[in-house]
Amino acid sequence: MGQPAVSKIVAQLEARLQTSLLTRSTHGLTPTEAGQRFYERARAALQEAEETDLAARGAGKGLSGKLRISAATTFARLHVIPRLPRFLEQHPELDVDVILDDRVIDLIAEGIDVSLRMGNLSDSTAVARKLATSPRSVIATPGYLAKKGEPRTPAELAEHEAILYNPQPSLWSFTREGAVISIAVSGRIRVSAAEGQRAAVLSYMGLCIASDWMFAEELESGAVRKVLTAWQLPPIDLWAVFPNGRLASAKARQFAGFVETVMAEK
């Protein structure tokens, strides 16, 4: 739709509502408070209408078409891809593209329907839904601890090799009974992907901070274990992020709900 047609429709809408929805200036357009509220309510109404339409068309029999999702490589390998058969069995006419990337990518440019991201969302305007939360711990192999000794306090981490993950700071902060202690750690290895951090830890090269998700199998088998368990680290959240400014598809919302369900089973 061309810009003149859009301007005319917005003007008609503002006249009907008897309020301004947009603030116009030489720098562009920004929504007014009323405009933002109207947008949020309208978006929710459109989603409800879409779901009603799909139900009437028999969408309950299964989704169809293509769903493009993105996720961090290690998390997807351990927790998403092994459970995809269940989701695909429920929707035999659906194809799924999985884009594996530890970086934050442009969802609209890459044509992504839903992205699974962990940690704090840098974009406060992102359309997101929290799916799960995991504790984080200091993790090492028994072999490394037998060789280097087990740290009993956060201060002793200064004597250890830390496997550093590029987005993470080198200052590790712990809490215990309301007190906060921050320790500067160092190590000879810094990696740009969680898969490299896992490999380095499992090769007895040092210890790291990681979510329990990242080492779920090894924690259960005893191949790695947690240290400094009397101190707490901030947990990490898993989010489903949808392209900003675009109505989330029923496929994307159902997939997010599926991931939320399987993570709750852990």
Protein backbone atom coordinates (compact mmCIF):
# COMPACT_ATOMS: atom_id res chain seq x y z
CA MET A 1 0.00 0.00 0.00
CA GLY A 2 1.38 3.38 -0.99
CA GLN A 3 2.20 6.13 1.52
CA PRO A 4 -0.65 8.46 0.44
CA ALA A 5 -3.19 5.67 0.93
CA VAL A 6 -1.76 4.87 4.37
CA SER A 7 -1.90 8.55 5.39
CA LYS A 8 -5.53 8.79 4.30
CA ILE A 9 -6.54 5.67 6.25
CA VAL A 10 -4.71 6.83 9.39
CA ALA A 11 -6.38 10.23 9.16
CA GLN A 12 -9.81 8.57 8.82
CA LEU A 13 -9.04 6.36 11.82
CA GLU A 14 -7.94 9.33 13.94
CA ALA A 15 -11.13 11.19 12.95
CA ARG A 16 -13.30 8.25 13.95
CA LEU A 17 -11.48 7.79 17.27
CA GLN A 18 -11.29 11.57 17.84
CA THR A 19 -7.68 11.31 19.01
CA SER A 20 -4.18 11.52 17.52
CA LEU A 21 -2.46 8.19 17.02
CA LEU A 22 0.80 9.54 15.59
CA THR A 23 3.04 12.49 16.35
CA ARG A 24 4.32 13.96 13.09
CA SER A 25 7.58 15.89 12.80
CA THR A 26 10.33 16.53 10.28
CA HIS A 27 12.16 13.56 11.79
CA GLY A 28 9.33 11.13 11.06
CA LEU A 29 6.42 9.56 12.90
CA THR A 30 6.16 8.26 16.46
CA PRO A 31 3.08 6.77 18.14
CA THR A 32 1.28 8.78 20.79
CA GLU A 33 0.37 7.07 24.05
CA ALA A 34 -3.14 6.52 22.69
CA GLY A 35 -1.68 5.22 19.43
CA GLN A 36 0.56 2.72 21.22
CA ARG A 37 -2.36 1.45 23.32
CA PHE A 38 -4.53 1.16 20.22
CA TYR A 39 -1.80 -0.75 18.40
CA GLU A 40 -1.30 -3.26 21.23
CA ARG A 41 -5.03 -3.94 21.58
CA ALA A 42 -5.51 -4.15 17.81
CA ARG A 43 -2.62 -6.59 17.47
CA ALA A 44 -4.09 -8.85 20.15
CA ALA A 45 -7.49 -8.69 18.42
CA LEU A 46 -5.93 -9.61 15.07
CA GLN A 47 -4.15 -12.59 16.63
CA GLU A 48 -7.41 -13.77 18.14
CA ALA A 49 -9.16 -13.33 14.79
CA GLU A 50 -6.39 -15.26 13.00
CA GLU A 51 -6.66 -18.15 15.45
CA THR A 52 -10.45 -18.17 15.08
CA ASP A 53 -10.09 -18.28 11.30
CA LEU A 54 -7.58 -21.13 11.47
CA ALA A 55 -9.82 -23.11 13.79
CA ALA A 56 -12.76 -22.68 11.38
CA ARG A 57 -10.57 -23.92 8.52
CA GLY A 58 -9.67 -27.03 10.48
CA ALA A 59 -6.21 -25.87 11.52
CA GLY A 60 -6.57 -28.02 14.63
CA LYS A 61 -5.73 -30.97 12.39
CA GLY A 62 -2.18 -29.66 12.11
CA LEU A 63 -0.08 -26.78 10.86
CA SER A 64 1.22 -26.64 7.30
CA GLY A 65 3.74 -24.76 5.22
CA LYS A 66 7.20 -23.71 6.40
CA LEU A 67 8.38 -22.51 9.81
CA ARG A 68 11.77 -20.82 10.10
CA ILE A 69 13.27 -20.77 13.59
CA SER A 70 16.65 -19.63 14.87
CA ALA A 71 18.43 -20.73 18.03
CA ALA A 72 21.86 -20.88 19.64
CA THR A 73 23.78 -23.86 18.29
CA THR A 74 24.40 -25.75 21.53
CA PHE A 75 20.96 -25.21 23.00
CA ALA A 76 19.29 -26.31 19.77
CA ARG A 77 21.49 -29.39 19.46
CA LEU A 78 20.84 -30.51 23.02
CA HIS A 79 17.23 -29.50 23.64
CA VAL A 80 15.38 -28.49 20.48
CA ILE A 81 16.39 -30.75 17.59
CA PRO A 82 16.07 -34.03 19.58
CA ARG A 83 12.45 -33.06 20.37
CA LEU A 84 11.49 -31.85 16.90
CA PRO A 85 10.23 -35.31 15.85
CA ARG A 86 7.38 -34.98 18.37
CA PHE A 87 6.41 -31.56 17.01
CA LEU A 88 6.65 -32.71 13.39
CA GLU A 89 4.59 -35.80 14.15
CA GLN A 90 1.83 -33.53 15.42
CA HIS A 91 2.00 -31.48 12.21
CA PRO A 92 2.82 -33.81 9.28
CA GLU A 93 2.31 -31.08 6.66
CA LEU A 94 4.79 -28.67 8.29
CA ASP A 95 8.42 -28.17 7.21
CA VAL A 96 10.91 -26.59 9.62
CA ASP A 97 14.09 -24.67 8.80
CA VAL A 98 16.45 -24.40 11.80
CA ILE A 99 19.03 -21.61 11.60
CA LEU A 100 21.79 -22.21 14.15
CA ASP A 101 23.69 -19.11 15.23
CA ASP A 102 24.93 -17.93 18.62
CA ARG A 103 24.72 -14.32 17.44
CA VAL A 104 21.62 -12.15 17.53
CA ILE A 105 20.44 -12.00 13.94
CA ASP A 106 17.98 -9.72 12.14
CA LEU A 107 14.77 -11.74 12.19
CA ILE A 108 13.03 -9.79 9.44
CA ALA A 109 16.05 -9.76 7.10
CA GLU A 110 16.56 -13.51 7.61
CA GLY A 111 12.87 -14.34 7.30
CA ILE A 112 12.73 -15.87 10.79
CA ASP A 113 9.31 -16.64 12.28
CA VAL A 114 10.54 -17.15 15.86
CA SER A 115 13.93 -17.03 17.56
CA LEU A 116 14.93 -18.78 20.77
CA ARG A 117 17.25 -16.48 22.73
CA MET A 118 18.78 -16.68 26.17
CA GLY A 119 19.71 -13.96 28.64
CA ASN A 120 18.66 -10.33 28.71
CA LEU A 121 17.01 -9.00 25.58
CA SER A 122 18.97 -6.03 24.27
CA ASP A 123 15.99 -4.74 22.26
CA SER A 124 13.36 -3.46 24.69
CA THR A 125 10.84 -3.18 21.85
CA ALA A 126 11.11 -6.84 20.89
CA VAL A 127 7.94 -8.91 20.87
CA ALA A 128 8.97 -11.69 23.24
CA ARG A 129 7.57 -14.42 25.47
CA LYS A 130 9.52 -15.98 28.34
CA LEU A 131 9.51 -19.77 28.04
CA ALA A 132 11.73 -21.05 30.86
CA THR A 133 14.42 -20.19 33.40
CA SER A 134 17.55 -22.16 34.26
CA PRO A 135 19.99 -21.86 37.17
CA ARG A 136 23.60 -21.05 36.30
CA SER A 137 26.57 -22.65 38.04
CA VAL A 138 30.33 -22.86 38.05
CA ILE A 139 31.04 -26.17 36.32
CA ALA A 140 34.18 -28.28 35.91
CA THR A 141 35.15 -31.89 35.30
CA PRO A 142 36.24 -34.10 38.22
CA GLY A 143 39.53 -34.59 36.36
CA TYR A 144 40.29 -30.87 36.29
CA LEU A 145 39.34 -30.48 39.96
CA ALA A 146 41.54 -33.43 40.94
CA LYS A 147 44.48 -31.75 39.23
CA LYS A 148 43.90 -28.11 40.20
CA GLY A 149 41.91 -28.45 43.41
CA GLU A 150 38.32 -27.41 44.07
CA PRO A 151 37.65 -23.74 44.86
CA ARG A 152 35.92 -23.35 48.23
CA THR A 153 35.20 -19.63 47.93
CA PRO A 154 34.72 -17.32 44.93
CA ALA A 155 38.03 -15.62 45.76
CA GLU A 156 39.88 -18.88 44.98
CA LEU A 157 38.67 -18.67 41.37
CA ALA A 158 41.53 -16.24 40.76
CA GLU A 159 43.85 -19.26 41.00
CA HIS A 160 41.99 -21.23 38.33
CA GLU A 161 41.74 -21.29 34.55
CA ALA A 162 38.39 -19.84 33.44
CA ILE A 163 36.97 -20.79 30.06
CA LEU A 164 35.54 -17.47 28.96
CA TYR A 165 32.60 -17.11 26.60
CA ASN A 166 32.91 -13.98 24.50
CA PRO A 167 29.65 -12.18 25.44
CA GLN A 168 30.21 -12.88 29.14
CA PRO A 169 32.22 -10.44 31.29
CA SER A 170 35.40 -11.51 33.07
CA LEU A 171 33.89 -10.35 36.36
CA TRP A 172 31.79 -13.10 37.97
CA SER A 173 29.32 -11.94 40.62
CA PHE A 174 27.91 -14.23 43.31
CA THR A 175 25.37 -13.72 46.07
CA ARG A 176 25.08 -15.43 49.43
CA GLU A 177 22.65 -14.48 52.17
CA GLY A 178 22.11 -11.10 50.55
CA ALA A 179 25.82 -10.29 50.21
CA VAL A 180 27.33 -9.81 46.74
CA ILE A 181 30.92 -10.64 45.85
CA SER A 182 32.49 -10.03 42.43
CA ILE A 183 35.65 -11.81 41.32
CA ALA A 184 37.82 -11.02 38.29
CA VAL A 185 38.68 -14.27 36.56
CA SER A 186 41.15 -14.99 33.79
CA GLY A 187 42.02 -17.78 31.46
CA ARG A 188 44.09 -18.56 28.41
CA ILE A 189 41.07 -19.50 26.31
CA ARG A 190 38.16 -17.33 25.23
CA VAL A 191 35.62 -18.75 22.80
CA SER A 192 32.93 -17.15 20.65
CA ALA A 193 30.42 -20.01 20.82
CA ALA A 194 29.00 -22.08 23.65
CA GLU A 195 29.97 -25.27 21.80
CA GLY A 196 33.63 -24.27 22.19
CA GLN A 197 33.16 -23.59 25.89
CA ARG A 198 31.65 -27.04 26.39
CA ALA A 199 34.50 -28.70 24.49
CA ALA A 200 37.15 -26.85 26.50
CA VAL A 201 35.58 -27.77 29.84
CA LEU A 202 35.18 -31.42 28.82
CA SER A 203 38.85 -31.42 27.77
CA TYR A 204 39.84 -30.57 31.40
CA MET A 205 41.11 -27.14 30.39
CA GLY A 206 39.31 -25.15 33.08
CA LEU A 207 36.00 -24.23 34.63
CA CYS A 208 33.21 -22.02 33.41
CA ILE A 209 29.89 -20.41 34.27
CA ALA A 210 27.08 -22.08 32.35
CA SER A 211 23.38 -22.78 32.53
CA ASP A 212 22.34 -26.21 33.72
CA TRP A 213 20.86 -26.63 30.23
CA MET A 214 24.29 -26.53 28.61
CA PHE A 215 25.66 -29.47 30.60
CA ALA A 216 22.41 -31.31 31.37
CA GLU A 217 23.60 -34.76 30.25
CA GLU A 218 27.06 -34.42 31.81
CA LEU A 219 25.67 -33.20 35.13
CA GLU A 220 23.39 -36.22 35.24
CA SER A 221 26.16 -38.68 34.34
CA GLY A 222 28.76 -37.10 36.62
CA ALA A 223 31.08 -36.15 33.76
CA VAL A 224 31.00 -32.62 35.19
CA ARG A 225 29.88 -31.23 38.51
CA LYS A 226 29.01 -27.93 40.11
CA VAL A 227 31.32 -26.13 42.54
CA LEU A 228 30.71 -23.22 44.89
CA THR A 229 27.13 -24.37 45.31
CA ALA A 230 26.73 -22.29 48.50
CA TRP A 231 26.90 -19.15 46.32
CA GLN A 232 24.24 -18.20 43.78
CA LEU A 233 24.59 -16.82 40.28
CA PRO A 234 21.84 -14.95 38.41
CA PRO A 235 19.65 -17.44 36.50
CA ILE A 236 19.21 -17.24 32.75
CA ASP A 237 15.92 -16.95 30.87
CA LEU A 238 14.88 -18.53 27.60
CA TRP A 239 12.75 -16.32 25.34
CA ALA A 240 10.76 -16.78 22.17
CA VAL A 241 11.31 -13.61 20.15
CA PHE A 242 9.08 -12.73 17.22
CA PRO A 243 9.86 -10.26 14.42
CA ASN A 244 9.11 -6.74 15.58
CA GLY A 245 6.28 -5.01 13.77
CA ARG A 246 4.89 -8.20 12.27
CA LEU A 247 2.02 -10.33 13.51
CA ALA A 248 3.41 -13.56 14.97
CA SER A 249 2.12 -16.50 12.97
CA ALA A 250 0.08 -19.28 14.51
CA LYS A 251 2.96 -21.62 13.59
CA ALA A 252 5.47 -19.51 15.51
CA ARG A 253 3.21 -19.24 18.57
CA GLN A 254 2.48 -22.96 18.61
CA PHE A 255 6.18 -23.79 18.32
CA ALA A 256 6.97 -21.43 21.22
CA GLY A 257 4.28 -23.15 23.28
CA PHE A 258 5.77 -26.54 22.38
CA VAL A 259 9.26 -25.48 23.54
CA GLU A 260 7.79 -24.07 26.76
CA THR A 261 6.10 -27.44 27.41
CA VAL A 262 9.16 -29.59 26.78
CA MET A 263 11.41 -27.35 28.90
CA ALA A 264 8.90 -27.61 31.77
CA GLU A 265 9.25 -31.40 31.60
CA LYS A 266 12.93 -31.23 32.60
